[in-house]
Each structure stands twice: as structure tokens, then as C-alpha cells.
Amino acid sequence: MASKMTHTKAFEHFGAKPANPRWSWSARCPKGVVATFWQDLFKKRDGKLVYADSLKGNMRHGARELMRNLAHAWANFNGELKVIIAVPKDANAAQRSIKVCFPSKLIMRLVHLDLETGAFVAEVTTA
């Protein structure tokens, strides 16, 4: 794990500035999109490291912004994402909060994006 830093500093590592430091889960930067992914939601699937989530029913600002930014990555950057890894304080909490986070060297690519349901899947392309 990389050194401990704030979520805002993790965005800055990629040259991105979140719209709102309190609720942004993603941000745009000149070279793409940065998304915050929960460490415990990464899984191995068919020999690949993938991240799958569904924001169904989540109408919070951060979730809506994340979907807009994922759509932007899909349309403009072939679905490529830079990733901030977040470790939750409580993985079972209804509304998670970050215990620690750090910028990752992982480059991920969206392989599924459903803007209506909020479901998406991203695969690691390089580390």
C-alpha cells in the first residue's frame, strides 16, 4: 500500500480536481478520468482483476457525478480510468466512508456501463 494521504491529495496526484472534496468519487483530468474504487470490491474473474459495482438507487451527488464521469471516459478515452483505491472504515456500512486511500498504478478500462441502472464493470489493463 502506498503512503497515507487525503482523498483530495490522491486526486491531485493525477492532476485532477474533484468538483467537491466532501462527496466527489471521481474527477476529470486533462488525460482522462480518475475514479475512486473500494479495495474490497476488486475480484478475480476469468483470470483478470475486475471491479464491479452498481449504484442502483443511489442518488447521492457523488454517485451521479461518477456516472457522468464514467460516461465521459467511455466516450472520450476508450473507457480508460485512473484509479484511487479506498479502504472503507466499515465495509458493511450503508454509507461508506474512507479509512485510508491512495493513488494506484492500475489502469482500468470499462467493459460494461449501464447508465440507467448504474451498473459498471472495469478490468485492469496494466499495473
N, C-alpha and C. Protein backbone atom coordinates (compact mmCIF):
# COMPACT_ATOMS: atom_id res chain seq x y z
N MET A 1 0.84 -1.18 0.00
CA MET A 1 0.00 0.00 0.00
C MET A 1 0.88 1.24 0.00
N ALA A 2 0.48 2.23 -0.75
CA ALA A 2 1.23 3.48 -0.82
C ALA A 2 1.03 4.26 0.48
N SER A 3 1.75 5.36 0.60
CA SER A 3 1.65 6.16 1.81
C SER A 3 0.26 6.78 1.95
N LYS A 4 -0.14 7.00 3.20
CA LYS A 4 -1.45 7.55 3.53
C LYS A 4 -1.56 8.99 3.05
N MET A 5 -2.69 9.34 2.46
CA MET A 5 -2.93 10.71 2.02
C MET A 5 -4.42 10.98 2.01
N THR A 6 -4.77 12.25 1.88
CA THR A 6 -6.18 12.61 1.80
C THR A 6 -6.72 12.24 0.42
N HIS A 7 -8.03 12.16 0.34
CA HIS A 7 -8.68 11.86 -0.94
C HIS A 7 -8.37 12.96 -1.96
N THR A 8 -8.41 14.20 -1.52
CA THR A 8 -8.10 15.32 -2.41
C THR A 8 -6.67 15.22 -2.94
N LYS A 9 -5.72 14.88 -2.07
CA LYS A 9 -4.33 14.72 -2.50
C LYS A 9 -4.18 13.56 -3.48
N ALA A 10 -4.96 12.51 -3.29
CA ALA A 10 -4.93 11.38 -4.23
C ALA A 10 -5.39 11.83 -5.62
N PHE A 11 -6.44 12.66 -5.68
CA PHE A 11 -6.88 13.22 -6.96
C PHE A 11 -5.77 14.08 -7.56
N GLU A 12 -5.16 14.92 -6.74
CA GLU A 12 -4.10 15.81 -7.21
C GLU A 12 -2.93 15.04 -7.81
N HIS A 13 -2.67 13.84 -7.28
CA HIS A 13 -1.59 13.00 -7.81
C HIS A 13 -1.76 12.79 -9.31
N PHE A 14 -3.02 12.72 -9.77
CA PHE A 14 -3.32 12.50 -11.19
C PHE A 14 -3.59 13.81 -11.94
N GLY A 15 -3.45 14.93 -11.27
CA GLY A 15 -3.72 16.21 -11.91
C GLY A 15 -5.20 16.51 -12.02
N ALA A 16 -6.00 15.89 -11.14
CA ALA A 16 -7.45 16.07 -11.16
C ALA A 16 -7.89 16.86 -9.94
N LYS A 17 -8.94 17.64 -10.12
CA LYS A 17 -9.52 18.39 -9.00
C LYS A 17 -10.98 17.98 -8.88
N PRO A 18 -11.35 17.36 -7.74
CA PRO A 18 -12.75 16.95 -7.58
C PRO A 18 -13.67 18.17 -7.52
N ALA A 19 -14.88 18.00 -8.03
CA ALA A 19 -15.86 19.09 -8.00
C ALA A 19 -16.16 19.50 -6.57
N ASN A 20 -16.22 18.52 -5.68
CA ASN A 20 -16.48 18.78 -4.27
C ASN A 20 -15.67 17.80 -3.43
N PRO A 21 -14.70 18.27 -2.66
CA PRO A 21 -13.85 17.37 -1.88
C PRO A 21 -14.61 16.50 -0.88
N ARG A 22 -15.81 16.91 -0.49
CA ARG A 22 -16.58 16.14 0.50
C ARG A 22 -17.30 14.94 -0.11
N TRP A 23 -17.79 15.08 -1.35
CA TRP A 23 -18.60 13.99 -1.89
C TRP A 23 -18.17 13.44 -3.25
N SER A 24 -17.19 14.02 -3.88
CA SER A 24 -16.77 13.52 -5.20
C SER A 24 -16.06 12.17 -5.10
N TRP A 25 -16.47 11.22 -5.93
CA TRP A 25 -15.84 9.90 -6.02
C TRP A 25 -14.98 9.81 -7.27
N SER A 26 -15.10 10.83 -8.13
CA SER A 26 -14.38 10.82 -9.40
C SER A 26 -14.10 12.25 -9.82
N ALA A 27 -13.21 12.38 -10.80
CA ALA A 27 -12.88 13.70 -11.32
C ALA A 27 -12.26 13.53 -12.71
N ARG A 28 -12.32 14.60 -13.47
CA ARG A 28 -11.69 14.59 -14.79
C ARG A 28 -10.34 15.29 -14.69
N CYS A 29 -9.43 14.83 -15.51
CA CYS A 29 -8.12 15.48 -15.62
C CYS A 29 -7.82 15.58 -17.11
N PRO A 30 -6.80 16.33 -17.50
CA PRO A 30 -6.52 16.50 -18.93
C PRO A 30 -6.34 15.19 -19.70
N LYS A 31 -5.85 14.17 -19.03
CA LYS A 31 -5.58 12.90 -19.72
C LYS A 31 -6.60 11.82 -19.41
N GLY A 32 -7.76 12.17 -18.87
CA GLY A 32 -8.76 11.14 -18.63
C GLY A 32 -9.62 11.37 -17.41
N VAL A 33 -10.02 10.25 -16.82
CA VAL A 33 -10.92 10.25 -15.68
C VAL A 33 -10.28 9.46 -14.55
N VAL A 34 -10.42 9.99 -13.34
CA VAL A 34 -9.94 9.33 -12.13
C VAL A 34 -11.17 8.89 -11.35
N ALA A 35 -11.21 7.62 -10.95
CA ALA A 35 -12.34 7.09 -10.19
C ALA A 35 -11.84 6.47 -8.89
N THR A 36 -12.62 6.64 -7.84
CA THR A 36 -12.30 6.03 -6.55
C THR A 36 -13.04 4.71 -6.46
N PHE A 37 -12.29 3.63 -6.24
CA PHE A 37 -12.86 2.29 -6.14
C PHE A 37 -12.53 1.70 -4.77
N TRP A 38 -13.52 1.03 -4.17
CA TRP A 38 -13.35 0.38 -2.87
C TRP A 38 -12.47 -0.86 -3.02
N GLN A 39 -11.46 -0.96 -2.19
CA GLN A 39 -10.49 -2.06 -2.26
C GLN A 39 -11.17 -3.43 -2.18
N ASP A 40 -12.18 -3.57 -1.34
CA ASP A 40 -12.81 -4.88 -1.14
C ASP A 40 -13.74 -5.31 -2.28
N LEU A 41 -13.99 -4.43 -3.25
CA LEU A 41 -14.86 -4.80 -4.37
C LEU A 41 -14.09 -5.28 -5.59
N PHE A 42 -12.76 -5.30 -5.52
CA PHE A 42 -11.96 -5.89 -6.59
C PHE A 42 -12.05 -7.41 -6.48
N LYS A 43 -12.23 -8.08 -7.61
CA LYS A 43 -12.34 -9.54 -7.64
C LYS A 43 -11.57 -10.08 -8.83
N LYS A 44 -11.20 -11.35 -8.73
CA LYS A 44 -10.62 -12.05 -9.88
C LYS A 44 -11.76 -12.70 -10.64
N ARG A 45 -11.78 -12.48 -11.95
CA ARG A 45 -12.82 -13.07 -12.80
C ARG A 45 -12.16 -13.49 -14.11
N ASP A 46 -12.21 -14.76 -14.41
CA ASP A 46 -11.60 -15.30 -15.63
C ASP A 46 -10.12 -14.91 -15.72
N GLY A 47 -9.44 -14.96 -14.59
CA GLY A 47 -8.02 -14.66 -14.56
C GLY A 47 -7.67 -13.18 -14.62
N LYS A 48 -8.69 -12.31 -14.62
CA LYS A 48 -8.45 -10.87 -14.68
C LYS A 48 -8.94 -10.21 -13.39
N LEU A 49 -8.26 -9.15 -13.01
CA LEU A 49 -8.71 -8.36 -11.87
C LEU A 49 -9.77 -7.39 -12.36
N VAL A 50 -10.96 -7.47 -11.77
CA VAL A 50 -12.07 -6.62 -12.20
C VAL A 50 -12.68 -5.89 -11.00
N TYR A 51 -13.34 -4.82 -11.32
CA TYR A 51 -14.09 -4.05 -10.33
C TYR A 51 -15.50 -3.92 -10.86
N ALA A 52 -16.46 -4.39 -10.09
CA ALA A 52 -17.86 -4.30 -10.50
C ALA A 52 -18.65 -3.64 -9.38
N ASP A 53 -19.55 -2.76 -9.76
CA ASP A 53 -20.38 -2.08 -8.77
C ASP A 53 -21.70 -1.71 -9.44
N SER A 54 -22.68 -1.46 -8.61
CA SER A 54 -23.96 -0.97 -9.09
C SER A 54 -24.41 0.15 -8.17
N LEU A 55 -24.69 1.26 -8.75
CA LEU A 55 -25.12 2.42 -7.98
C LEU A 55 -26.63 2.56 -8.01
N LYS A 56 -27.32 1.47 -8.34
CA LYS A 56 -28.77 1.49 -8.46
C LYS A 56 -29.42 2.09 -7.21
N GLY A 57 -30.24 3.06 -7.45
CA GLY A 57 -30.96 3.70 -6.36
C GLY A 57 -30.14 4.71 -5.58
N ASN A 58 -28.86 4.84 -5.88
CA ASN A 58 -28.03 5.80 -5.17
C ASN A 58 -28.11 7.14 -5.90
N MET A 59 -28.80 8.07 -5.30
CA MET A 59 -28.99 9.38 -5.91
C MET A 59 -28.11 10.45 -5.28
N ARG A 60 -27.11 10.01 -4.51
CA ARG A 60 -26.21 10.97 -3.90
C ARG A 60 -25.38 11.67 -4.99
N HIS A 61 -24.93 12.88 -4.69
CA HIS A 61 -24.18 13.68 -5.66
C HIS A 61 -22.98 12.93 -6.22
N GLY A 62 -22.21 12.28 -5.36
CA GLY A 62 -21.01 11.57 -5.80
C GLY A 62 -21.31 10.45 -6.77
N ALA A 63 -22.41 9.73 -6.55
CA ALA A 63 -22.80 8.64 -7.44
C ALA A 63 -23.21 9.18 -8.81
N ARG A 64 -23.99 10.24 -8.82
CA ARG A 64 -24.42 10.83 -10.09
C ARG A 64 -23.22 11.38 -10.86
N GLU A 65 -22.31 12.03 -10.15
CA GLU A 65 -21.11 12.57 -10.80
C GLU A 65 -20.24 11.43 -11.34
N LEU A 66 -20.10 10.35 -10.57
CA LEU A 66 -19.32 9.21 -11.03
C LEU A 66 -19.88 8.67 -12.34
N MET A 67 -21.18 8.53 -12.45
CA MET A 67 -21.78 8.01 -13.68
C MET A 67 -21.51 8.96 -14.85
N ARG A 68 -21.59 10.24 -14.64
CA ARG A 68 -21.27 11.21 -15.70
C ARG A 68 -19.82 11.07 -16.13
N ASN A 69 -18.93 10.92 -15.16
CA ASN A 69 -17.51 10.82 -15.49
C ASN A 69 -17.17 9.48 -16.14
N LEU A 70 -17.84 8.40 -15.73
CA LEU A 70 -17.63 7.12 -16.41
C LEU A 70 -18.11 7.21 -17.86
N ALA A 71 -19.24 7.86 -18.08
CA ALA A 71 -19.74 8.05 -19.45
C ALA A 71 -18.75 8.88 -20.26
N HIS A 72 -18.13 9.88 -19.65
CA HIS A 72 -17.13 10.70 -20.32
C HIS A 72 -15.91 9.86 -20.69
N ALA A 73 -15.47 9.00 -19.78
CA ALA A 73 -14.32 8.11 -20.06
C ALA A 73 -14.68 7.16 -21.19
N TRP A 74 -15.89 6.63 -21.18
CA TRP A 74 -16.36 5.68 -22.21
C TRP A 74 -16.34 6.35 -23.58
N ALA A 75 -16.84 7.59 -23.64
CA ALA A 75 -16.98 8.30 -24.91
C ALA A 75 -15.68 8.91 -25.42
N ASN A 76 -14.80 9.30 -24.51
CA ASN A 76 -13.63 10.08 -24.93
C ASN A 76 -12.28 9.41 -24.72
N PHE A 77 -12.23 8.40 -23.86
CA PHE A 77 -10.95 7.78 -23.53
C PHE A 77 -11.00 6.26 -23.63
N ASN A 78 -11.87 5.74 -24.51
CA ASN A 78 -12.00 4.30 -24.71
C ASN A 78 -12.26 3.58 -23.39
N GLY A 79 -12.93 4.24 -22.47
CA GLY A 79 -13.28 3.65 -21.19
C GLY A 79 -12.14 3.57 -20.19
N GLU A 80 -11.00 4.17 -20.50
CA GLU A 80 -9.84 4.06 -19.61
C GLU A 80 -9.99 4.94 -18.37
N LEU A 81 -9.56 4.38 -17.24
CA LEU A 81 -9.67 5.06 -15.96
C LEU A 81 -8.37 4.98 -15.17
N LYS A 82 -8.05 6.05 -14.48
CA LYS A 82 -7.02 6.03 -13.45
C LYS A 82 -7.75 5.76 -12.15
N VAL A 83 -7.08 5.13 -11.19
CA VAL A 83 -7.80 4.64 -10.02
C VAL A 83 -7.19 5.09 -8.70
N ILE A 84 -8.07 5.54 -7.81
CA ILE A 84 -7.74 5.76 -6.41
C ILE A 84 -8.34 4.57 -5.66
N ILE A 85 -7.53 3.90 -4.85
CA ILE A 85 -8.03 2.78 -4.04
C ILE A 85 -8.44 3.34 -2.69
N ALA A 86 -9.65 3.00 -2.27
CA ALA A 86 -10.16 3.44 -0.96
C ALA A 86 -10.44 2.22 -0.09
N VAL A 87 -9.98 2.28 1.14
CA VAL A 87 -10.26 1.24 2.12
C VAL A 87 -11.37 1.79 3.02
N PRO A 88 -12.49 1.08 3.12
CA PRO A 88 -13.60 1.61 3.93
C PRO A 88 -13.35 1.47 5.43
N LYS A 89 -13.87 2.42 6.20
CA LYS A 89 -13.84 2.29 7.66
C LYS A 89 -14.66 1.08 8.08
N ASP A 90 -15.83 0.92 7.45
CA ASP A 90 -16.72 -0.21 7.74
C ASP A 90 -17.30 -0.68 6.41
N ALA A 91 -16.86 -1.84 5.94
CA ALA A 91 -17.29 -2.37 4.65
C ALA A 91 -18.78 -2.70 4.62
N ASN A 92 -19.41 -2.84 5.78
CA ASN A 92 -20.83 -3.19 5.85
C ASN A 92 -21.74 -1.99 6.04
N ALA A 93 -21.18 -0.81 6.17
CA ALA A 93 -21.98 0.39 6.39
C ALA A 93 -22.82 0.71 5.16
N ALA A 94 -24.02 1.22 5.38
CA ALA A 94 -24.89 1.60 4.27
C ALA A 94 -24.27 2.75 3.48
N GLN A 95 -23.67 3.70 4.17
CA GLN A 95 -22.96 4.80 3.54
C GLN A 95 -21.51 4.71 4.00
N ARG A 96 -20.67 4.23 3.11
CA ARG A 96 -19.27 4.02 3.45
C ARG A 96 -18.51 5.34 3.59
N SER A 97 -17.45 5.27 4.37
CA SER A 97 -16.52 6.39 4.47
C SER A 97 -15.11 5.82 4.35
N ILE A 98 -14.19 6.67 3.96
CA ILE A 98 -12.83 6.24 3.67
C ILE A 98 -11.98 6.22 4.94
N LYS A 99 -11.38 5.07 5.20
CA LYS A 99 -10.41 4.95 6.29
C LYS A 99 -9.05 5.46 5.80
N VAL A 100 -8.65 4.99 4.63
CA VAL A 100 -7.40 5.39 4.01
C VAL A 100 -7.56 5.23 2.50
N CYS A 101 -6.86 6.07 1.73
CA CYS A 101 -6.91 5.94 0.28
C CYS A 101 -5.55 6.30 -0.30
N PHE A 102 -5.33 5.86 -1.53
CA PHE A 102 -4.05 6.13 -2.19
C PHE A 102 -4.21 5.99 -3.70
N PRO A 103 -3.43 6.76 -4.47
CA PRO A 103 -3.47 6.61 -5.92
C PRO A 103 -2.84 5.29 -6.30
N SER A 104 -3.44 4.62 -7.26
CA SER A 104 -2.95 3.31 -7.70
C SER A 104 -2.23 3.44 -9.04
N LYS A 105 -1.36 2.50 -9.31
CA LYS A 105 -0.71 2.44 -10.62
C LYS A 105 -1.57 1.67 -11.62
N LEU A 106 -2.68 1.11 -11.15
CA LEU A 106 -3.57 0.36 -12.03
C LEU A 106 -4.19 1.28 -13.08
N ILE A 107 -4.24 0.78 -14.30
CA ILE A 107 -5.03 1.43 -15.37
C ILE A 107 -6.15 0.45 -15.67
N MET A 108 -7.37 0.96 -15.62
CA MET A 108 -8.53 0.09 -15.84
C MET A 108 -9.31 0.58 -17.05
N ARG A 109 -10.06 -0.33 -17.63
CA ARG A 109 -10.90 0.01 -18.78
C ARG A 109 -12.30 -0.50 -18.52
N LEU A 110 -13.26 0.38 -18.72
CA LEU A 110 -14.66 -0.03 -18.60
C LEU A 110 -14.99 -1.05 -19.68
N VAL A 111 -15.61 -2.15 -19.28
CA VAL A 111 -16.06 -3.15 -20.24
C VAL A 111 -17.59 -3.23 -20.25
N HIS A 112 -18.21 -2.61 -19.26
CA HIS A 112 -19.67 -2.55 -19.20
C HIS A 112 -20.05 -1.26 -18.48
N LEU A 113 -21.02 -0.56 -19.03
CA LEU A 113 -21.53 0.66 -18.41
C LEU A 113 -23.00 0.79 -18.76
N ASP A 114 -23.84 0.76 -17.73
CA ASP A 114 -25.28 0.90 -17.91
C ASP A 114 -25.71 2.15 -17.14
N LEU A 115 -25.92 3.22 -17.86
CA LEU A 115 -26.25 4.49 -17.22
C LEU A 115 -27.63 4.49 -16.58
N GLU A 116 -28.51 3.62 -17.04
CA GLU A 116 -29.85 3.56 -16.45
C GLU A 116 -29.86 2.87 -15.10
N THR A 117 -29.11 1.79 -14.96
CA THR A 117 -29.10 1.05 -13.70
C THR A 117 -27.94 1.45 -12.79
N GLY A 118 -26.94 2.10 -13.35
CA GLY A 118 -25.78 2.48 -12.56
C GLY A 118 -24.77 1.36 -12.42
N ALA A 119 -24.95 0.28 -13.16
CA ALA A 119 -24.02 -0.86 -13.09
C ALA A 119 -22.84 -0.63 -14.02
N PHE A 120 -21.66 -1.00 -13.54
CA PHE A 120 -20.48 -0.91 -14.38
C PHE A 120 -19.46 -1.96 -13.97
N VAL A 121 -18.62 -2.32 -14.94
CA VAL A 121 -17.52 -3.26 -14.71
C VAL A 121 -16.29 -2.69 -15.40
N ALA A 122 -15.17 -2.73 -14.70
CA ALA A 122 -13.90 -2.29 -15.26
C ALA A 122 -12.87 -3.38 -15.03
N GLU A 123 -12.00 -3.59 -16.01
CA GLU A 123 -10.93 -4.58 -15.91
C GLU A 123 -9.58 -3.88 -15.88
N VAL A 124 -8.65 -4.47 -15.15
CA VAL A 124 -7.29 -3.95 -15.12
C VAL A 124 -6.65 -4.23 -16.47
N THR A 125 -6.04 -3.21 -17.05
CA THR A 125 -5.33 -3.39 -18.32
C THR A 125 -3.83 -3.41 -18.10
N THR A 126 -3.36 -2.70 -17.07
CA THR A 126 -1.93 -2.66 -16.76
C THR A 126 -1.75 -2.23 -15.32
N ALA A 127 -0.58 -2.56 -14.79
CA ALA A 127 -0.28 -2.14 -13.40
C ALA A 127 1.10 -1.51 -13.35
